[in-house]
Amino acid sequence: MKPPIVLTIAGSDSSGGAGIQADLKTIAAHGCYGMSALTALTAQNTRCVTAIHVPPAAFLTQQLAAVLTDFPPDAVKIGMLPDADCVRAVASALRNVSAPIVLDPVMVATSGASLSEDSAVNAMIAELFPLAALITPNITEAECLSKLHISSEEDMLRAAKALPCPVLLKGGHLGCATDLLLADGREIWLRGEYLPCGETHGTGCTLSSAVACNLAMGHSMEESVRRAKLWLTDLLRRKPDFNVPNGPLQIYNARE
């Protein structure tokens, strides 16, 4: 039988903890078939990003044309988009794709390095938000996108409502494991176990990819988010001690 096909469009993380590497590990762990299109190459580790190389947008267009004319995806996950040309190339390629699109609006790495230009963020809102089945910002990203300060659940709801597409707003930066899913006209609060496991690397990439995988498998949006959140919580519970500032996850089979 054909496995569900998930396309990830994201940057490469040379440390393996985030970006396209984390996405493909997550896709494989869910029993899906992963395809990829690289938006950027980064020289980074768990401490810092030292360099970013952005291939021409025309090359990104060629990558997307190659995979989309071969294997139509059952879901798409989008991560790091470094500039506006990159955003426009992705939007143009996905405009006629019927599969659900999960957009993780990555702007700043855990280490603090900026990963997207301001023009890319504006283009993302205009070009990709209308195509997205779900966006998955953390608190900092939601503040940037909504132009609202967030320090409480009431603020989370106000910011989510200010965004023009379905939203999973993650509350981890408030020191809790409470997330807000605003989709299909419903307000769903997802309360989980908060694990004080220190700074992490790649959790946002992993969660958004897991949501995409569950959508590709045919689950509803709410069920996909719930399953992804439970799986990520278990990954955090099992998080290995690499003795580095922002420790990555060890991704295991989601069907265990």
Foldseek 3Di string as FASTA:
>chain_A
DAFAEEEEEWADDPQQFAIPSLLCLLCVLAVHHYHYQHQWYWDDHLQDTDDIGGDDLVVSLVSLVVCCVPDQHQEYEYEQHAELSNLVSVLVSCVPRPHAYEYEDDAAFLNGHGRHDPRNLVSCLVRPQVRHQEYEYEQVVLCVNQVFHDQDVVSVVVSCVSRDHWYWYADVVNVAGWIWTCHPNDTDIDHDDRDPQAAAGHLSRSLSSQLRSVVSVPDDNVVSNNLSSVQSVVQSVVADCPVDRHGGTDDHRSVD
